[in-house]
Amino acid sequence: MIPNALCFGDEFPAAGAPCLVQVEEHGLTVNFASDTTDDQSESVPFSSLTVSAGGLDHDQLVVKWAGQKGERTLYLKNPDVIRAFRQAAPDQLSHSFEQAAERVRQVRHRSRLVWGLVGGVFLATVLGLWFQSDLLVEIAVSRIPVEWEQKLGESAYRDFLSHQEVMKEGPAVAALGEMTQRMTAQIPDSPYKFEVTVVKSDVVNAFALPGGYVVVFTGLMKKAESGEEVAGVLSHELNHVLQRHGLERIVKSLGIMTVAAIVFGNQQGLVGMMKQLGVELFTLKFGREQETEADLTGLQLLQRAKIDPSGMITFFERLSEKDEGRMEWLSTHPMSAARADRLKAELAALPKKSPEPFTFDWKQVQASIGSQTVVVP
């Protein structure tokens, strides 16, 4: 006998007894085989049966009747048997079948709704973490002490300078010092003590590390046509530090789990993980929003310091146009016409202030570091 249903009754085990159900013209023939009974069959007329939906998922047909040994319950799941049962059943059972079918439809609809809701919540959570990751990063960064940030930046800064030819004095160093002093004087509440270093290199570049450490290459100073242009680049880099963009990129690169750990107070392992980044600090690229923020806040800082802000725009435009975006500085600080236009619009909206010239002569500054042509690979 190959069972196609499960039967429950007083003489059967609590887990039920497998049985074979056959649909006849008069009703059902149920063949039982259990440890507590001899093989036997029972014929039940349709008039003695009641029908409903049941089972764990309400996907089974539950048939009940009063047998010779008490009430018995039959659970049918085989679709062929259920179909044959429904076709052969008399009219008086049709209503019960309809009710059972409706119950099955309701349960299945509710199940789909629940699983759809669970899937929707899961998807919303994933998307929420994805789109809100920047917000989580900002919260995490706000929980990191500035002292930690300074130690991280200083370590990478000292290591980098140990392999470079650093200019410690001369007109170029003095010029950068004057620019830095005029701008930092307009940041009275800054938690950073900026340190700007001139490095001898034909690379047209400048970069800032977390904690207030800035490097300007002589290649950039040779390429600029005025001190105001270099000041524009320097202001941009200072504002990357002030907005903690470098630290944001580091935290984001460590992953969402680390970010969550920082947000919820577990910061102790952060310093060790950040130190593992090592040279990667120099390759972390800022996002478009961070670049735009550094541009706009840099422009505002220049104006407060009474340094001509147009120098920032002209230098960026000239590099973009003449060198077709091949400059190394532009490779990490992408320039576009739209970005330049936004700077121009921001400059036009700022209150007019008369700029004050620098005390140094820019041509003499450039002469002090060499006048040879900068070769860009």
Protein backbone atom coordinates (compact mmCIF):
# COMPACT_ATOMS: atom_id res chain seq x y z
CA MET A 1 0.00 0.00 0.00
CA ILE A 2 1.29 3.43 -0.97
CA PRO A 3 -0.32 5.94 1.44
CA ASN A 4 -1.72 9.19 0.08
CA ALA A 5 -3.21 10.60 3.30
CA LEU A 6 -2.83 10.68 7.06
CA CYS A 7 -5.55 9.53 9.45
CA PHE A 8 -6.07 10.35 13.13
CA GLY A 9 -8.25 8.50 15.61
CA ASP A 10 -8.33 6.99 19.08
CA GLU A 11 -6.67 3.75 18.02
CA PHE A 12 -3.94 5.49 15.99
CA PRO A 13 -0.63 6.98 17.20
CA ALA A 14 -0.63 10.65 18.14
CA ALA A 15 1.33 11.43 14.97
CA GLY A 16 -1.35 9.78 12.84
CA ALA A 17 -1.41 6.67 10.68
CA PRO A 18 -0.64 6.60 6.94
CA CYS A 19 -3.56 5.41 4.85
CA LEU A 20 -4.68 4.96 1.28
CA VAL A 21 -7.82 6.87 0.26
CA GLN A 22 -9.83 5.92 -2.79
CA VAL A 23 -12.79 7.92 -4.10
CA GLU A 24 -15.83 5.81 -4.95
CA GLU A 25 -19.28 6.69 -6.25
CA HIS A 26 -20.84 6.36 -2.80
CA GLY A 27 -18.04 7.99 -0.80
CA LEU A 28 -14.51 7.17 0.37
CA THR A 29 -12.78 3.88 0.96
CA VAL A 30 -9.96 4.24 3.47
CA ASN A 31 -7.38 1.49 3.83
CA PHE A 32 -5.51 1.61 7.16
CA ALA A 33 -2.21 0.03 8.09
CA SER A 34 -0.78 0.77 11.53
CA ASP A 35 1.12 -0.91 14.35
CA THR A 36 -1.99 -0.97 16.52
CA THR A 37 -4.46 -2.38 14.01
CA ASP A 38 -4.58 -5.14 11.47
CA ASP A 39 -4.75 -4.12 7.86
CA GLN A 40 -8.34 -3.03 7.39
CA SER A 41 -10.50 -0.80 5.26
CA GLU A 42 -13.46 1.37 6.02
CA SER A 43 -16.08 2.62 3.62
CA VAL A 44 -17.57 6.01 4.49
CA PRO A 45 -20.53 7.50 2.58
CA PHE A 46 -20.44 11.14 1.52
CA SER A 47 -23.41 11.86 3.79
CA SER A 48 -21.28 11.12 6.87
CA LEU A 49 -18.41 13.45 5.92
CA THR A 50 -17.62 17.04 6.86
CA VAL A 51 -15.01 18.98 4.93
CA SER A 52 -12.76 21.93 5.85
CA ALA A 53 -9.31 23.35 5.16
CA GLY A 54 -6.45 22.64 7.55
CA GLY A 55 -2.84 21.69 7.98
CA LEU A 56 0.11 23.87 8.93
CA ASP A 57 -0.20 25.98 5.80
CA HIS A 58 -3.96 25.38 5.39
CA ASP A 59 -3.18 23.63 2.13
CA GLN A 60 -4.75 20.29 3.09
CA LEU A 61 -8.34 19.05 2.94
CA VAL A 62 -9.55 17.90 6.36
CA VAL A 63 -12.27 15.23 6.25
CA LYS A 64 -14.05 14.09 9.44
CA TRP A 65 -16.60 11.38 10.22
CA ALA A 66 -17.84 9.30 13.14
CA GLY A 67 -16.50 5.80 12.68
CA GLN A 68 -17.20 2.56 14.53
CA LYS A 69 -14.30 3.26 16.90
CA GLY A 70 -14.92 6.93 17.42
CA GLU A 71 -14.31 10.12 15.49
CA ARG A 72 -11.73 10.00 12.76
CA THR A 73 -9.96 12.78 10.92
CA LEU A 74 -8.38 12.45 7.53
CA TYR A 75 -5.80 14.89 6.12
CA LEU A 76 -5.64 14.90 2.32
CA LYS A 77 -2.87 16.69 0.48
CA ASN A 78 -2.68 14.75 -2.77
CA PRO A 79 -4.12 17.10 -5.43
CA ASP A 80 -5.38 14.20 -7.60
CA VAL A 81 -7.34 12.69 -4.71
CA ILE A 82 -8.74 16.09 -3.69
CA ARG A 83 -9.81 16.77 -7.29
CA ALA A 84 -11.49 13.36 -7.63
CA PHE A 85 -13.17 13.82 -4.23
CA ARG A 86 -14.57 17.20 -5.23
CA GLN A 87 -15.87 15.94 -8.57
CA ALA A 88 -17.61 12.92 -7.04
CA ALA A 89 -19.01 14.66 -3.93
CA PRO A 90 -22.75 15.42 -3.85
CA ASP A 91 -24.18 18.93 -3.82
CA GLN A 92 -24.51 19.09 -0.03
CA LEU A 93 -20.71 19.11 0.27
CA SER A 94 -20.20 21.80 -2.41
CA HIS A 95 -20.64 24.64 0.07
CA SER A 96 -18.07 23.09 2.43
CA PHE A 97 -15.65 22.71 -0.46
CA GLU A 98 -16.12 26.37 -1.42
CA GLN A 99 -15.51 27.48 2.15
CA ALA A 100 -12.37 25.35 2.34
CA ALA A 101 -11.12 26.71 -0.98
CA GLU A 102 -11.79 30.29 0.15
CA ARG A 103 -9.91 29.64 3.39
CA VAL A 104 -6.94 28.31 1.44
CA ARG A 105 -6.98 31.40 -0.80
CA GLN A 106 -7.08 33.72 2.24
CA VAL A 107 -4.23 31.95 3.97
CA ARG A 108 -2.10 31.91 0.83
CA HIS A 109 -2.83 35.60 0.24
CA ARG A 110 -1.89 36.40 3.82
CA SER A 111 1.26 34.33 3.49
CA ARG A 112 2.28 36.15 0.31
CA LEU A 113 1.52 39.44 2.02
CA VAL A 114 3.63 38.56 5.05
CA TRP A 115 6.57 37.35 2.98
CA GLY A 116 6.24 40.36 0.72
CA LEU A 117 6.30 42.61 3.78
CA VAL A 118 9.33 40.78 5.20
CA GLY A 119 11.11 41.04 1.85
CA GLY A 120 10.16 44.70 1.58
CA VAL A 121 11.46 45.46 5.07
CA PHE A 122 14.69 43.60 4.32
CA LEU A 123 15.15 45.44 1.01
CA ALA A 124 14.30 48.77 2.62
CA THR A 125 16.83 48.09 5.37
CA VAL A 126 19.56 47.23 2.87
CA LEU A 127 18.77 50.24 0.70
CA GLY A 128 18.49 52.43 3.77
CA LEU A 129 21.94 51.39 4.93
CA TRP A 130 23.25 51.93 1.42
CA PHE A 131 21.76 55.38 0.87
CA GLN A 132 22.21 56.46 4.48
CA SER A 133 25.80 55.21 4.66
CA ASP A 134 27.11 58.74 4.20
CA LEU A 135 25.00 59.87 7.15
CA LEU A 136 26.29 56.94 9.22
CA VAL A 137 29.86 57.84 8.24
CA GLU A 138 29.31 61.45 9.33
CA ILE A 139 27.96 60.29 12.68
CA ALA A 140 30.90 57.90 13.11
CA VAL A 141 33.44 60.60 12.23
CA SER A 142 31.87 63.00 14.72
CA ARG A 143 32.58 60.44 17.46
CA ILE A 144 36.28 60.21 16.65
CA PRO A 145 38.44 62.60 18.73
CA VAL A 146 40.47 65.16 16.78
CA GLU A 147 43.56 63.97 18.67
CA TRP A 148 43.25 60.52 17.09
CA GLU A 149 42.83 62.08 13.67
CA GLN A 150 45.95 64.20 14.19
CA LYS A 151 48.04 61.20 15.26
CA LEU A 152 46.96 59.27 12.19
CA GLY A 153 47.71 62.16 9.81
CA GLU A 154 51.01 63.01 11.46
CA SER A 155 52.26 59.43 11.23
CA ALA A 156 51.58 59.25 7.49
CA TYR A 157 52.87 62.81 6.99
CA ARG A 158 56.23 62.19 8.68
CA ASP A 159 56.67 58.90 6.85
CA PHE A 160 56.00 60.59 3.48
CA LEU A 161 58.37 63.51 4.11
CA SER A 162 61.18 61.16 5.12
CA HIS A 163 61.41 60.09 1.48
CA GLN A 164 61.13 63.59 -0.06
CA GLU A 165 63.33 66.64 -0.58
CA VAL A 166 61.74 69.21 1.70
CA MET A 167 62.25 72.97 1.36
CA LYS A 168 62.67 74.34 4.87
CA GLU A 169 63.39 77.98 4.01
CA GLY A 170 63.42 80.47 1.15
CA PRO A 171 60.88 82.64 -0.72
CA ALA A 172 58.60 79.70 -1.60
CA VAL A 173 58.34 78.60 2.03
CA ALA A 174 57.77 82.18 3.16
CA ALA A 175 55.07 82.70 0.50
CA LEU A 176 53.18 79.56 1.56
CA GLY A 177 53.52 80.65 5.17
CA GLU A 178 51.97 84.04 4.43
CA MET A 179 49.06 82.44 2.55
CA THR A 180 48.46 79.94 5.36
CA GLN A 181 48.62 82.59 8.09
CA ARG A 182 46.13 84.88 6.36
CA MET A 183 43.62 82.07 5.85
CA THR A 184 43.97 80.32 9.22
CA ALA A 185 43.51 83.68 10.93
CA GLN A 186 39.95 83.56 9.56
CA ILE A 187 39.28 80.20 11.25
CA PRO A 188 39.35 81.20 14.95
CA ASP A 189 37.59 78.04 16.20
CA SER A 190 39.63 75.54 14.21
CA PRO A 191 40.70 72.49 16.25
CA TYR A 192 43.64 72.00 13.88
CA LYS A 193 47.12 73.50 13.92
CA PHE A 194 47.88 73.46 10.21
CA GLU A 195 51.33 72.50 9.04
CA VAL A 196 52.10 73.23 5.37
CA THR A 197 55.28 71.87 3.78
CA VAL A 198 56.86 72.61 0.38
CA VAL A 199 58.30 69.53 -1.35
CA LYS A 200 60.61 69.74 -4.35
CA SER A 201 58.92 67.87 -7.17
CA ASP A 202 57.79 68.69 -10.71
CA VAL A 203 54.46 67.03 -10.00
CA VAL A 204 51.63 69.56 -10.23
CA ASN A 205 49.89 68.59 -7.03
CA ALA A 206 48.98 69.38 -3.46
CA PHE A 207 47.24 67.22 -0.88
CA ALA A 208 45.99 67.30 2.69
CA LEU A 209 46.04 64.55 5.30
CA PRO A 210 43.69 64.19 8.26
CA GLY A 211 44.69 66.34 11.21
CA GLY A 212 45.83 69.45 9.33
CA TYR A 213 48.94 68.31 7.43
CA VAL A 214 49.29 69.77 3.93
CA VAL A 215 51.93 69.19 1.24
CA VAL A 216 52.43 71.54 -1.74
CA PHE A 217 54.77 70.47 -4.55
CA THR A 218 56.99 73.00 -6.27
CA GLY A 219 55.61 71.78 -9.61
CA LEU A 220 52.27 73.35 -8.70
CA MET A 221 53.95 76.63 -7.71
CA LYS A 222 55.82 76.71 -11.03
CA LYS A 223 52.62 76.14 -12.95
CA ALA A 224 50.62 78.87 -11.19
CA GLU A 225 50.69 82.37 -12.67
CA SER A 226 50.06 84.12 -9.37
CA GLY A 227 50.14 83.62 -5.64
CA GLU A 228 46.36 83.87 -5.65
CA GLU A 229 46.14 80.73 -7.78
CA VAL A 230 48.26 78.75 -5.32
CA ALA A 231 46.25 80.20 -2.45
CA GLY A 232 43.10 78.90 -4.16
CA VAL A 233 44.51 75.37 -4.21
CA LEU A 234 45.73 75.70 -0.63
CA SER A 235 42.34 76.94 0.57
CA HIS A 236 40.69 73.96 -1.12
CA GLU A 237 43.03 71.57 0.73
CA LEU A 238 42.60 73.33 4.09
CA ASN A 239 38.86 72.90 3.79
CA HIS A 240 39.20 69.18 3.10
CA VAL A 241 40.78 69.06 6.56
CA LEU A 242 38.22 71.35 8.20
CA GLN A 243 35.33 69.27 6.81
CA ARG A 244 37.15 66.05 7.88
CA HIS A 245 36.81 64.66 4.36
CA GLY A 246 39.93 62.53 4.66
CA LEU A 247 38.70 60.89 7.83
CA GLU A 248 35.31 60.28 6.21
CA ARG A 249 36.96 58.46 3.30
CA ILE A 250 39.03 56.34 5.69
CA VAL A 251 36.04 55.35 7.80
CA LYS A 252 33.96 54.60 4.71
CA SER A 253 36.72 52.41 3.25
CA LEU A 254 36.77 50.34 6.46
CA GLY A 255 33.19 49.17 5.79
CA ILE A 256 29.69 49.56 7.18
CA MET A 257 30.31 47.20 10.12
CA THR A 258 33.19 49.32 11.37
CA VAL A 259 31.09 52.43 10.89
CA ALA A 260 28.27 50.89 12.91
CA ALA A 261 30.71 49.87 15.64
CA ILE A 262 31.98 53.45 15.90
CA VAL A 263 28.44 54.86 15.93
CA PHE A 264 27.50 52.56 18.81
CA GLY A 265 30.57 53.42 20.83
CA ASN A 266 33.19 50.77 20.04
CA GLN A 267 36.09 52.98 18.92
CA GLN A 268 39.04 51.25 20.55
CA GLY A 269 39.99 49.14 17.54
CA LEU A 270 39.69 52.02 15.11
CA VAL A 271 43.18 53.44 15.51
CA GLY A 272 44.79 50.08 14.79
CA MET A 273 42.64 49.54 11.71
CA MET A 274 43.36 53.02 10.38
CA LYS A 275 47.10 52.56 10.87
CA GLN A 276 46.88 49.47 8.68
CA LEU A 277 45.84 51.71 5.79
CA GLY A 278 49.36 53.14 5.63
CA VAL A 279 50.14 54.48 2.19
CA GLU A 280 46.50 54.08 1.18
CA LEU A 281 45.90 57.45 2.84
CA PHE A 282 47.54 59.03 -0.19
CA THR A 283 45.34 57.23 -2.70
CA LEU A 284 41.93 57.80 -1.10
CA LYS A 285 39.90 59.87 -3.53
CA PHE A 286 37.32 62.37 -2.41
CA GLY A 287 33.75 62.11 -3.64
CA ARG A 288 32.15 64.71 -5.90
CA GLU A 289 30.16 66.22 -3.03
CA GLN A 290 33.30 66.52 -0.92
CA GLU A 291 35.18 68.23 -3.75
CA THR A 292 32.31 70.66 -4.27
CA GLU A 293 32.16 71.41 -0.55
CA ALA A 294 35.92 72.03 -0.43
CA ASP A 295 35.59 74.33 -3.46
CA LEU A 296 32.77 76.44 -2.06
CA THR A 297 34.05 76.69 1.50
CA GLY A 298 37.53 77.34 0.11
CA LEU A 299 36.20 80.18 -1.99
CA GLN A 300 34.50 81.70 1.04
CA LEU A 301 37.67 81.38 3.11
CA LEU A 302 39.69 83.19 0.44
CA GLN A 303 37.25 86.07 0.47
CA ARG A 304 37.30 86.36 4.26
CA ALA A 305 41.10 86.45 4.10
CA LYS A 306 40.85 89.19 1.41
CA ILE A 307 42.66 87.03 -1.13
CA ASP A 308 41.29 87.30 -4.67
CA PRO A 309 39.03 84.18 -4.97
CA SER A 310 39.09 84.25 -8.77
CA GLY A 311 42.59 82.77 -8.62
CA MET A 312 41.11 79.39 -7.64
CA ILE A 313 38.81 79.37 -10.68
CA THR A 314 41.37 80.55 -13.24
CA PHE A 315 43.97 78.01 -12.13
CA PHE A 316 41.52 75.11 -12.31
CA GLU A 317 40.20 76.23 -15.70
CA ARG A 318 43.63 76.74 -17.18
CA LEU A 319 44.87 73.31 -16.14
CA SER A 320 41.70 71.68 -17.46
CA GLU A 321 41.83 73.44 -20.83
CA LYS A 322 45.54 73.50 -21.62
CA ASP A 323 46.45 70.05 -20.33
CA GLU A 324 43.20 68.31 -21.28
CA GLY A 325 42.80 66.86 -17.80
CA ARG A 326 46.12 65.01 -17.89
CA MET A 327 47.58 66.76 -14.86
CA GLU A 328 48.08 64.56 -11.83
CA TRP A 329 46.38 67.16 -9.64
CA LEU A 330 43.30 66.96 -11.81
CA SER A 331 43.34 63.17 -11.76
CA THR A 332 42.51 63.21 -8.06
CA HIS A 333 40.56 66.49 -8.12
CA PRO A 334 38.37 66.21 -11.25
CA MET A 335 37.56 69.52 -12.89
CA SER A 336 34.64 70.17 -15.22
CA ALA A 337 32.91 73.11 -16.84
CA ALA A 338 29.95 72.62 -14.53
CA ARG A 339 32.21 72.75 -11.48
CA ALA A 340 33.85 75.95 -12.70
CA ASP A 341 30.46 77.50 -13.44
CA ARG A 342 29.30 76.71 -9.92
CA LEU A 343 32.35 78.42 -8.47
CA LYS A 344 31.69 81.46 -10.62
CA ALA A 345 28.07 81.57 -9.50
CA GLU A 346 29.13 81.27 -5.87
CA LEU A 347 31.69 84.03 -6.30
CA ALA A 348 29.11 86.32 -7.89
CA ALA A 349 26.78 85.74 -4.93
CA LEU A 350 29.39 86.60 -2.30
CA PRO A 351 29.56 90.15 -0.89
CA LYS A 352 32.10 92.26 -2.72
CA LYS A 353 35.40 92.79 -0.90
CA SER A 354 38.54 94.51 -2.08
CA PRO A 355 41.37 91.94 -2.06
CA GLU A 356 44.67 92.81 -0.45
CA PRO A 357 47.83 91.80 -2.40
CA PHE A 358 50.48 89.56 -0.91
CA THR A 359 53.74 91.11 0.29
CA PHE A 360 55.87 88.85 -1.90
CA ASP A 361 56.64 89.09 -5.62
CA TRP A 362 55.36 85.93 -7.30
CA LYS A 363 57.93 85.97 -10.12
CA GLN A 364 60.73 86.09 -7.58
CA VAL A 365 59.17 83.19 -5.68
CA GLN A 366 59.07 81.11 -8.87
CA ALA A 367 62.63 82.08 -9.73
CA SER A 368 63.79 80.80 -6.34
CA ILE A 369 62.52 77.31 -7.10
CA GLY A 370 63.67 77.18 -10.72
CA SER A 371 62.12 78.29 -13.96
CA GLN A 372 62.45 75.07 -15.92
CA THR A 373 59.35 73.80 -17.72
CA VAL A 374 57.29 71.31 -15.77
CA VAL A 375 57.10 68.04 -17.66
CA VAL A 376 53.84 66.20 -17.18
CA PRO A 377 53.90 62.47 -18.07
